[in-house]
Amino acid sequence: MNDDQLLRYSRQIMLPEFDVAGQQALLDAKALIVGLGGLGSPAALYLAATGIGSLTLVDYDTVDVSNLQRQIIHDEKSLGQAKVDSAAERIAALNPDTRVERVASALEGAALTAAVADADVVLDGTDNFRARYAINEACVQANTPLVSGAAIRLEGQVTVIDPRRDDAPCYRCLYGDAGDEALNCAENGVAAPLVGIIGSVQALEAVKIVAGVGESLAGHVLHLDAKRMEWRKFTLTKDPNCPTCSRATRA
C-alpha cells in the first residue's frame, strides 16, 4: 500500500476492526457484481470507493431514461450506452485504482461458473428468480460468498449465502421453487432511495466478508419496511432437502 492509498483509505484504516490488514485484503480482492441497476449501482460505487482491487461488472442492458430515477451510477450522458461501459466510466472517475472488467452480456452456464469461481465475493443485483437461482447455484458449487439483495415498492431485503460454512443456508432454502417472476420494478414500481439503502447494505456486507470484519448476515434475512422505516432480522435455516445446497446434492 502506497502513501496515496494510506491517505485515501485512512478513515477505514483507523477503525480497529479494519486496520491496514483489512484494507490490504480489500485491495487484493475481486468482486463480481451481476446487474447494474438500482442495487448494483450503489454497490459498485461504494465498493470502488472503499478500495476493492478489482470489479467484474455484468449487465447486458443499455441505459434508458426510466433507469435514471434510481440507478445512480448512470446519468443523462449515459443514455443509450451499455450499462457496463457507463458504470466503468463512473468508477474510473471515482477511483482509478479499481480495475474493472466488463461483461456486456448475460452470464450463464460455464461462463457464470468461471466468473463466480474467480471472485472473492459475488453481489446479486438482478431482478428475476431465474438469474438469482443460477447465481446462487454457481456460488454454492464454487464455495464463493454471495450477497443477495432485493427491493420492490417500499420493501427490501438482504441476505448472505456463505457456502464455506456447512450450516449456511442458500437462496434456494429461502424461496424454494416459489419464485414469482411478476415481482419486479417494471411491473410494481420501487422508491428510488430504497434501492440505494439495500445496495449500500450489500456493499457493506461484501466489505465485511473480504476484510474479515464483524459478523455477516449469513443464516439471516434482513428486511426493511421503508413505509414504517422498520428493520427486522429473521433467522434462515438450511433446508436438508434443498436441491442446491443439501449435502447429498453437493457430494
C-alpha atoms as a PDB file:
ATOM      1  CA  MET A   1       0.000   0.000   0.000  1.00  0.00           C
ATOM      2  CA  ASN A   2       1.496   3.342  -1.039  1.00  0.00           C
ATOM      3  CA  ASP A   3       1.225   6.733   0.699  1.00  0.00           C
ATOM      4  CA  ASP A   4      -1.638   7.914  -1.533  1.00  0.00           C
ATOM      5  CA  GLN A   5      -3.655   4.814  -0.663  1.00  0.00           C
ATOM      6  CA  LEU A   6      -2.922   5.192   3.046  1.00  0.00           C
ATOM      7  CA  LEU A   7      -4.362   8.710   2.844  1.00  0.00           C
ATOM      8  CA  ARG A   8      -7.340   7.794   0.657  1.00  0.00           C
ATOM      9  CA  TYR A   9      -8.453   4.943   2.910  1.00  0.00           C
ATOM     10  CA  SER A  10      -7.331   6.470   6.219  1.00  0.00           C
ATOM     11  CA  ARG A  11     -10.862   6.703   7.666  1.00  0.00           C
ATOM     12  CA  GLN A  12     -11.302   2.960   7.240  1.00  0.00           C
ATOM     13  CA  ILE A  13      -7.797   2.036   8.340  1.00  0.00           C
ATOM     14  CA  MET A  14      -8.270   3.876  11.643  1.00  0.00           C
ATOM     15  CA  LEU A  15     -11.117   1.507  12.547  1.00  0.00           C
ATOM     16  CA  PRO A  16      -9.559  -1.045  14.928  1.00  0.00           C
ATOM     17  CA  GLU A  17     -11.568  -3.888  13.386  1.00  0.00           C
ATOM     18  CA  PHE A  18     -10.291  -2.937   9.952  1.00  0.00           C
ATOM     19  CA  ASP A  19      -6.725  -1.623  10.242  1.00  0.00           C
ATOM     20  CA  VAL A  20      -4.132  -1.941   7.467  1.00  0.00           C
ATOM     21  CA  ALA A  21      -4.688  -5.690   7.086  1.00  0.00           C
ATOM     22  CA  GLY A  22      -8.382  -5.239   6.289  1.00  0.00           C
ATOM     23  CA  GLN A  23      -7.669  -2.541   3.744  1.00  0.00           C
ATOM     24  CA  GLN A  24      -4.997  -4.642   2.097  1.00  0.00           C
ATOM     25  CA  ALA A  25      -7.429  -7.541   1.868  1.00  0.00           C
ATOM     26  CA  LEU A  26      -9.826  -5.250   0.002  1.00  0.00           C
ATOM     27  CA  LEU A  27      -7.114  -4.031  -2.353  1.00  0.00           C
ATOM     28  CA  ASP A  28      -6.233  -7.640  -3.154  1.00  0.00           C
ATOM     29  CA  ALA A  29      -9.845  -8.772  -3.639  1.00  0.00           C
ATOM     30  CA  LYS A  30     -12.068  -9.267  -6.647  1.00  0.00           C
ATOM     31  CA  ALA A  31     -15.828  -8.743  -6.526  1.00  0.00           C
ATOM     32  CA  LEU A  32     -18.365  -9.828  -9.131  1.00  0.00           C
ATOM     33  CA  ILE A  33     -21.490  -7.668  -9.471  1.00  0.00           C
ATOM     34  CA  VAL A  34     -24.309  -9.083 -11.580  1.00  0.00           C
ATOM     35  CA  GLY A  35     -26.745  -6.358 -12.557  1.00  0.00           C
ATOM     36  CA  LEU A  36     -26.003  -2.617 -12.685  1.00  0.00           C
ATOM     37  CA  GLY A  37     -29.477  -1.369 -11.915  1.00  0.00           C
ATOM     38  CA  GLY A  38     -30.864   0.091  -8.705  1.00  0.00           C
ATOM     39  CA  LEU A  39     -28.979  -2.300  -6.418  1.00  0.00           C
ATOM     40  CA  GLY A  40     -25.791  -2.789  -8.398  1.00  0.00           C
ATOM     41  CA  SER A  41     -25.290   0.957  -8.897  1.00  0.00           C
ATOM     42  CA  PRO A  42     -24.694   1.965  -5.253  1.00  0.00           C
ATOM     43  CA  ALA A  43     -22.986  -1.349  -4.507  1.00  0.00           C
ATOM     44  CA  ALA A  44     -20.441  -0.813  -7.295  1.00  0.00           C
ATOM     45  CA  LEU A  45     -19.790   2.803  -6.315  1.00  0.00           C
ATOM     46  CA  TYR A  46     -19.239   2.012  -2.652  1.00  0.00           C
ATOM     47  CA  LEU A  47     -17.029  -0.993  -3.360  1.00  0.00           C
ATOM     48  CA  ALA A  48     -14.874   1.111  -5.662  1.00  0.00           C
ATOM     49  CA  ALA A  49     -14.755   3.971  -3.156  1.00  0.00           C
ATOM     50  CA  THR A  50     -13.859   1.641  -0.321  1.00  0.00           C
ATOM     51  CA  GLY A  51     -10.881   0.284  -2.263  1.00  0.00           C
ATOM     52  CA  ILE A  52     -11.850  -3.050  -3.768  1.00  0.00           C
ATOM     53  CA  GLY A  53      -8.991  -4.025  -6.060  1.00  0.00           C
ATOM     54  CA  SER A  54     -10.984  -5.482  -8.934  1.00  0.00           C
ATOM     55  CA  LEU A  55     -14.612  -5.379 -10.053  1.00  0.00           C
ATOM     56  CA  THR A  56     -16.227  -7.566 -12.695  1.00  0.00           C
ATOM     57  CA  LEU A  57     -19.392  -5.803 -13.880  1.00  0.00           C
ATOM     58  CA  VAL A  58     -22.094  -7.829 -15.617  1.00  0.00           C
ATOM     59  CA  ASP A  59     -25.130  -6.393 -17.399  1.00  0.00           C
ATOM     60  CA  TYR A  60     -26.458  -6.937 -20.923  1.00  0.00           C
ATOM     61  CA  ASP A  61     -28.706  -3.853 -20.939  1.00  0.00           C
ATOM     62  CA  THR A  62     -28.293  -0.253 -22.095  1.00  0.00           C
ATOM     63  CA  VAL A  63     -29.180   2.880 -20.128  1.00  0.00           C
ATOM     64  CA  ASP A  64     -32.756   4.093 -20.556  1.00  0.00           C
ATOM     65  CA  VAL A  65     -34.298   7.309 -19.250  1.00  0.00           C
ATOM     66  CA  SER A  66     -36.547   5.289 -16.908  1.00  0.00           C
ATOM     67  CA  ASN A  67     -33.391   3.952 -15.186  1.00  0.00           C
ATOM     68  CA  LEU A  68     -32.180   7.354 -14.040  1.00  0.00           C
ATOM     69  CA  GLN A  69     -34.735   7.628 -11.222  1.00  0.00           C
ATOM     70  CA  ARG A  70     -32.781   5.090  -9.147  1.00  0.00           C
ATOM     71  CA  GLN A  71     -29.707   3.740 -10.990  1.00  0.00           C
ATOM     72  CA  ILE A  72     -27.316   6.377  -9.732  1.00  0.00           C
ATOM     73  CA  ILE A  73     -24.179   5.100 -11.433  1.00  0.00           C
ATOM     74  CA  HIS A  74     -25.652   6.287 -14.771  1.00  0.00           C
ATOM     75  CA  ASP A  75     -26.629   9.794 -15.883  1.00  0.00           C
ATOM     76  CA  GLU A  76     -28.089  11.738 -18.831  1.00  0.00           C
ATOM     77  CA  LYS A  77     -24.873  11.366 -20.823  1.00  0.00           C
ATOM     78  CA  SER A  78     -25.137   7.574 -20.439  1.00  0.00           C
ATOM     79  CA  LEU A  79     -28.462   7.241 -22.290  1.00  0.00           C
ATOM     80  CA  GLY A  80     -28.209   4.529 -24.925  1.00  0.00           C
ATOM     81  CA  GLN A  81     -24.815   3.411 -23.631  1.00  0.00           C
ATOM     82  CA  ALA A  82     -24.112  -0.108 -22.397  1.00  0.00           C
ATOM     83  CA  LYS A  83     -24.583  -0.116 -18.628  1.00  0.00           C
ATOM     84  CA  VAL A  84     -21.213  -1.808 -18.068  1.00  0.00           C
ATOM     85  CA  ASP A  85     -19.474   0.982 -20.009  1.00  0.00           C
ATOM     86  CA  SER A  86     -21.371   3.735 -18.209  1.00  0.00           C
ATOM     87  CA  ALA A  87     -20.578   2.171 -14.833  1.00  0.00           C
ATOM     88  CA  ALA A  88     -16.913   1.642 -15.701  1.00  0.00           C
ATOM     89  CA  GLU A  89     -16.533   5.319 -16.618  1.00  0.00           C
ATOM     90  CA  ARG A  90     -18.108   6.448 -13.342  1.00  0.00           C
ATOM     91  CA  ILE A  91     -15.919   4.087 -11.325  1.00  0.00           C
ATOM     92  CA  ALA A  92     -12.779   5.280 -13.115  1.00  0.00           C
ATOM     93  CA  ALA A  93     -13.674   8.861 -12.201  1.00  0.00           C
ATOM     94  CA  LEU A  94     -14.257   7.873  -8.576  1.00  0.00           C
ATOM     95  CA  ASN A  95     -11.291   5.568  -8.025  1.00  0.00           C
ATOM     96  CA  PRO A  96      -8.991   4.863 -10.974  1.00  0.00           C
ATOM     97  CA  ASP A  97      -7.088   2.272  -8.922  1.00  0.00           C
ATOM     98  CA  THR A  98     -10.023  -0.143  -9.089  1.00  0.00           C
ATOM     99  CA  ARG A  99      -9.564  -2.471 -12.060  1.00  0.00           C
ATOM    100  CA  VAL A 100     -12.795  -3.055 -13.968  1.00  0.00           C
ATOM    101  CA  GLU A 101     -13.713  -5.967 -16.213  1.00  0.00           C
ATOM    102  CA  ARG A 102     -16.878  -5.558 -18.282  1.00  0.00           C
ATOM    103  CA  VAL A 103     -19.266  -8.308 -19.364  1.00  0.00           C
ATOM    104  CA  ALA A 104     -21.963  -6.794 -21.596  1.00  0.00           C
ATOM    105  CA  SER A 105     -23.972  -9.989 -21.954  1.00  0.00           C
ATOM    106  CA  ALA A 106     -25.987 -12.415 -19.875  1.00  0.00           C
ATOM    107  CA  LEU A 107     -23.638 -14.527 -17.786  1.00  0.00           C
ATOM    108  CA  GLU A 108     -24.789 -18.131 -17.950  1.00  0.00           C
ATOM    109  CA  GLY A 109     -23.558 -21.701 -17.866  1.00  0.00           C
ATOM    110  CA  ALA A 110     -19.818 -22.290 -17.889  1.00  0.00           C
ATOM    111  CA  ALA A 111     -19.079 -18.548 -18.143  1.00  0.00           C
ATOM    112  CA  LEU A 112     -21.058 -17.874 -14.944  1.00  0.00           C
ATOM    113  CA  THR A 113     -19.367 -20.771 -13.176  1.00  0.00           C
ATOM    114  CA  ALA A 114     -15.907 -19.500 -14.134  1.00  0.00           C
ATOM    115  CA  ALA A 115     -16.639 -15.885 -13.151  1.00  0.00           C
ATOM    116  CA  VAL A 116     -18.009 -16.891  -9.758  1.00  0.00           C
ATOM    117  CA  ALA A 117     -15.057 -19.189  -9.068  1.00  0.00           C
ATOM    118  CA  ASP A 118     -12.667 -16.335  -9.920  1.00  0.00           C
ATOM    119  CA  ALA A 119     -14.299 -13.914  -7.445  1.00  0.00           C
ATOM    120  CA  ASP A 120     -13.810 -13.483  -3.713  1.00  0.00           C
ATOM    121  CA  VAL A 121     -17.393 -12.313  -3.274  1.00  0.00           C
ATOM    122  CA  VAL A 122     -20.458 -12.053  -5.549  1.00  0.00           C
ATOM    123  CA  LEU A 123     -23.209  -9.436  -5.337  1.00  0.00           C
ATOM    124  CA  ASP A 124     -26.547 -10.256  -6.939  1.00  0.00           C
ATOM    125  CA  GLY A 125     -28.369  -7.163  -8.204  1.00  0.00           C
ATOM    126  CA  THR A 126     -30.681  -8.969 -10.629  1.00  0.00           C
ATOM    127  CA  ASP A 127     -34.463  -8.729 -10.571  1.00  0.00           C
ATOM    128  CA  ASN A 128     -35.667 -12.200 -11.519  1.00  0.00           C
ATOM    129  CA  PHE A 129     -35.652 -15.577  -9.816  1.00  0.00           C
ATOM    130  CA  ARG A 130     -34.166 -17.473 -12.742  1.00  0.00           C
ATOM    131  CA  ALA A 131     -30.984 -15.415 -12.572  1.00  0.00           C
ATOM    132  CA  ARG A 132     -30.880 -15.476  -8.777  1.00  0.00           C
ATOM    133  CA  TYR A 133     -31.179 -19.268  -8.670  1.00  0.00           C
ATOM    134  CA  ALA A 134     -28.392 -19.649 -11.239  1.00  0.00           C
ATOM    135  CA  ILE A 135     -26.064 -17.274  -9.382  1.00  0.00           C
ATOM    136  CA  ASN A 136     -26.854 -18.977  -6.082  1.00  0.00           C
ATOM    137  CA  GLU A 137     -26.093 -22.416  -7.509  1.00  0.00           C
ATOM    138  CA  ALA A 138     -22.800 -21.265  -9.027  1.00  0.00           C
ATOM    139  CA  CYS A 139     -21.748 -19.717  -5.701  1.00  0.00           C
ATOM    140  CA  VAL A 140     -22.627 -22.862  -3.760  1.00  0.00           C
ATOM    141  CA  GLN A 141     -20.644 -25.043  -6.146  1.00  0.00           C
ATOM    142  CA  ALA A 142     -17.621 -22.693  -6.069  1.00  0.00           C
ATOM    143  CA  ASN A 143     -17.766 -22.001  -2.292  1.00  0.00           C
ATOM    144  CA  THR A 144     -17.898 -18.276  -3.080  1.00  0.00           C
ATOM    145  CA  PRO A 145     -19.823 -15.999  -0.668  1.00  0.00           C
ATOM    146  CA  LEU A 146     -22.909 -14.368  -2.196  1.00  0.00           C
ATOM    147  CA  VAL A 147     -24.595 -11.146  -1.062  1.00  0.00           C
ATOM    148  CA  SER A 148     -28.143 -11.140  -2.382  1.00  0.00           C
ATOM    149  CA  GLY A 149     -30.405  -8.100  -2.339  1.00  0.00           C
ATOM    150  CA  ALA A 150     -33.945  -7.372  -3.466  1.00  0.00           C
ATOM    151  CA  ALA A 151     -36.161  -4.285  -3.421  1.00  0.00           C
ATOM    152  CA  ILE A 152     -39.654  -3.617  -4.653  1.00  0.00           C
ATOM    153  CA  ARG A 153     -42.280  -0.977  -3.925  1.00  0.00           C
ATOM    154  CA  LEU A 154     -41.336   0.118  -0.362  1.00  0.00           C
ATOM    155  CA  GLU A 155     -39.772  -3.121   0.876  1.00  0.00           C
ATOM    156  CA  GLY A 156     -36.277  -4.543   0.610  1.00  0.00           C
ATOM    157  CA  GLN A 157     -34.135  -7.336   1.964  1.00  0.00           C
ATOM    158  CA  VAL A 158     -30.548  -8.544   2.087  1.00  0.00           C
ATOM    159  CA  THR A 159     -29.119 -11.962   2.873  1.00  0.00           C
ATOM    160  CA  VAL A 160     -25.666 -13.509   2.706  1.00  0.00           C
ATOM    161  CA  ILE A 161     -25.061 -17.004   1.377  1.00  0.00           C
ATOM    162  CA  ASP A 162     -21.749 -18.364   2.644  1.00  0.00           C
ATOM    163  CA  PRO A 163     -21.231 -21.895   1.315  1.00  0.00           C
ATOM    164  CA  ARG A 164     -17.864 -22.077   3.090  1.00  0.00           C
ATOM    165  CA  ARG A 165     -19.939 -22.838   6.190  1.00  0.00           C
ATOM    166  CA  ASP A 166     -21.516 -26.286   6.380  1.00  0.00           C
ATOM    167  CA  ASP A 167     -24.525 -24.956   8.284  1.00  0.00           C
ATOM    168  CA  ALA A 168     -25.187 -21.996   5.978  1.00  0.00           C
ATOM    169  CA  PRO A 169     -28.477 -21.998   4.037  1.00  0.00           C
ATOM    170  CA  CYS A 170     -28.591 -20.862   0.416  1.00  0.00           C
ATOM    171  CA  TYR A 171     -31.013 -18.689  -1.554  1.00  0.00           C
ATOM    172  CA  ARG A 172     -32.983 -21.780  -2.611  1.00  0.00           C
ATOM    173  CA  CYS A 173     -33.546 -22.624   1.071  1.00  0.00           C
ATOM    174  CA  LEU A 174     -35.266 -19.246   1.390  1.00  0.00           C
ATOM    175  CA  TYR A 175     -37.534 -19.381  -1.642  1.00  0.00           C
ATOM    176  CA  GLY A 176     -37.612 -22.987  -2.853  1.00  0.00           C
ATOM    177  CA  ASP A 177     -39.416 -23.131  -6.190  1.00  0.00           C
ATOM    178  CA  ALA A 178     -41.962 -20.459  -5.312  1.00  0.00           C
ATOM    179  CA  GLY A 179     -40.401 -17.593  -7.228  1.00  0.00           C
ATOM    180  CA  ASP A 180     -42.819 -15.108  -8.781  1.00  0.00           C
ATOM    181  CA  GLU A 181     -41.412 -13.603 -11.976  1.00  0.00           C
ATOM    182  CA  ALA A 182     -44.068 -10.872 -11.850  1.00  0.00           C
ATOM    183  CA  LEU A 183     -42.401  -9.305  -8.807  1.00  0.00           C
ATOM    184  CA  ASN A 184     -40.130  -6.764 -10.474  1.00  0.00           C
ATOM    185  CA  CYS A 185     -39.811  -2.996 -10.512  1.00  0.00           C
ATOM    186  CA  ALA A 186     -41.141  -2.635 -14.050  1.00  0.00           C
ATOM    187  CA  GLU A 187     -44.427  -4.243 -13.011  1.00  0.00           C
ATOM    188  CA  ASN A 188     -44.728  -2.949  -9.440  1.00  0.00           C
ATOM    189  CA  GLY A 189     -42.564   0.163  -9.068  1.00  0.00           C
ATOM    190  CA  VAL A 190     -39.947   0.981  -6.432  1.00  0.00           C
ATOM    191  CA  ALA A 191     -38.936   4.019  -4.363  1.00  0.00           C
ATOM    192  CA  ALA A 192     -35.573   5.378  -5.502  1.00  0.00           C
ATOM    193  CA  PRO A 193     -33.825   5.733  -2.102  1.00  0.00           C
ATOM    194  CA  LEU A 194     -34.890   2.201  -1.138  1.00  0.00           C
ATOM    195  CA  VAL A 195     -32.598   0.546  -3.695  1.00  0.00           C
ATOM    196  CA  GLY A 196     -29.810   2.862  -2.546  1.00  0.00           C
ATOM    197  CA  ILE A 197     -30.222   1.622   1.026  1.00  0.00           C
ATOM    198  CA  ILE A 198     -30.332  -2.054   0.075  1.00  0.00           C
ATOM    199  CA  GLY A 199     -27.463  -1.787  -2.417  1.00  0.00           C
ATOM    200  CA  SER A 200     -25.354   0.001   0.201  1.00  0.00           C
ATOM    201  CA  VAL A 201     -26.034  -2.759   2.729  1.00  0.00           C
ATOM    202  CA  GLN A 202     -24.924  -5.278   0.100  1.00  0.00           C
ATOM    203  CA  ALA A 203     -21.678  -3.374  -0.370  1.00  0.00           C
ATOM    204  CA  LEU A 204     -21.059  -3.256   3.383  1.00  0.00           C
ATOM    205  CA  GLU A 205     -21.660  -6.991   3.744  1.00  0.00           C
ATOM    206  CA  ALA A 206     -19.234  -7.655   0.891  1.00  0.00           C
ATOM    207  CA  VAL A 207     -16.605  -5.441   2.539  1.00  0.00           C
ATOM    208  CA  LYS A 208     -17.064  -7.254   5.858  1.00  0.00           C
ATOM    209  CA  ILE A 209     -16.654 -10.636   4.187  1.00  0.00           C
ATOM    210  CA  VAL A 210     -13.500  -9.659   2.313  1.00  0.00           C
ATOM    211  CA  ALA A 211     -11.869  -7.796   5.211  1.00  0.00           C
ATOM    212  CA  GLY A 212     -12.960 -10.274   7.878  1.00  0.00           C
ATOM    213  CA  VAL A 213     -14.774  -7.624   9.894  1.00  0.00           C
ATOM    214  CA  GLY A 214     -17.684  -8.351  12.243  1.00  0.00           C
ATOM    215  CA  GLU A 215     -20.387 -10.915  11.545  1.00  0.00           C
ATOM    216  CA  SER A 216     -22.058 -11.276   8.169  1.00  0.00           C
ATOM    217  CA  LEU A 217     -25.762 -11.816   7.532  1.00  0.00           C
ATOM    218  CA  ALA A 218     -25.119 -15.481   6.714  1.00  0.00           C
ATOM    219  CA  GLY A 219     -28.021 -17.501   8.095  1.00  0.00           C
ATOM    220  CA  HIS A 220     -30.238 -14.430   8.335  1.00  0.00           C
ATOM    221  CA  VAL A 221     -32.503 -12.238   6.205  1.00  0.00           C
ATOM    222  CA  LEU A 222     -32.515  -8.509   6.947  1.00  0.00           C
ATOM    223  CA  HIS A 223     -35.852  -6.998   5.896  1.00  0.00           C
ATOM    224  CA  LEU A 224     -36.716  -3.309   5.588  1.00  0.00           C
ATOM    225  CA  ASP A 225     -40.267  -1.995   5.623  1.00  0.00           C
ATOM    226  CA  ALA A 226     -39.488   1.502   4.337  1.00  0.00           C
ATOM    227  CA  LYS A 227     -43.084   2.684   4.732  1.00  0.00           C
ATOM    228  CA  ARG A 228     -42.666   2.430   8.510  1.00  0.00           C
ATOM    229  CA  MET A 229     -38.839   2.506   8.444  1.00  0.00           C
ATOM    230  CA  GLU A 230     -38.707  -0.739  10.384  1.00  0.00           C
ATOM    231  CA  TRP A 231     -35.865  -3.233  10.140  1.00  0.00           C
ATOM    232  CA  ARG A 232     -36.402  -6.887  11.063  1.00  0.00           C
ATOM    233  CA  LYS A 233     -33.817  -9.655  11.111  1.00  0.00           C
ATOM    234  CA  PHE A 234     -35.030 -13.196  10.551  1.00  0.00           C
ATOM    235  CA  THR A 235     -33.145 -16.448  11.048  1.00  0.00           C
ATOM    236  CA  LEU A 236     -32.844 -18.546   7.898  1.00  0.00           C
ATOM    237  CA  THR A 237     -32.232 -22.255   8.422  1.00  0.00           C
ATOM    238  CA  LYS A 238     -30.697 -24.713   5.994  1.00  0.00           C
ATOM    239  CA  ASP A 239     -33.151 -26.988   4.189  1.00  0.00           C
ATOM    240  CA  PRO A 240     -31.789 -30.558   4.423  1.00  0.00           C
ATOM    241  CA  ASN A 241     -33.634 -31.383   1.195  1.00  0.00           C
ATOM    242  CA  CYS A 242     -32.567 -28.280  -0.734  1.00  0.00           C
ATOM    243  CA  PRO A 243     -31.858 -29.223  -4.368  1.00  0.00           C
ATOM    244  CA  THR A 244     -28.906 -26.807  -4.426  1.00  0.00           C
ATOM    245  CA  CYS A 245     -27.024 -26.945  -1.131  1.00  0.00           C
ATOM    246  CA  SER A 246     -28.017 -30.163   0.626  1.00  0.00           C
ATOM    247  CA  ARG A 247     -25.131 -32.467   1.454  1.00  0.00           C
ATOM    248  CA  ALA A 248     -26.398 -35.110  -0.971  1.00  0.00           C
ATOM    249  CA  THR A 249     -26.642 -32.563  -3.794  1.00  0.00           C
ATOM    250  CA  ARG A 250     -23.133 -31.202  -3.254  1.00  0.00           C
ATOM    251  CA  ALA A 251     -21.485 -34.593  -2.765  1.00  0.00           C
END
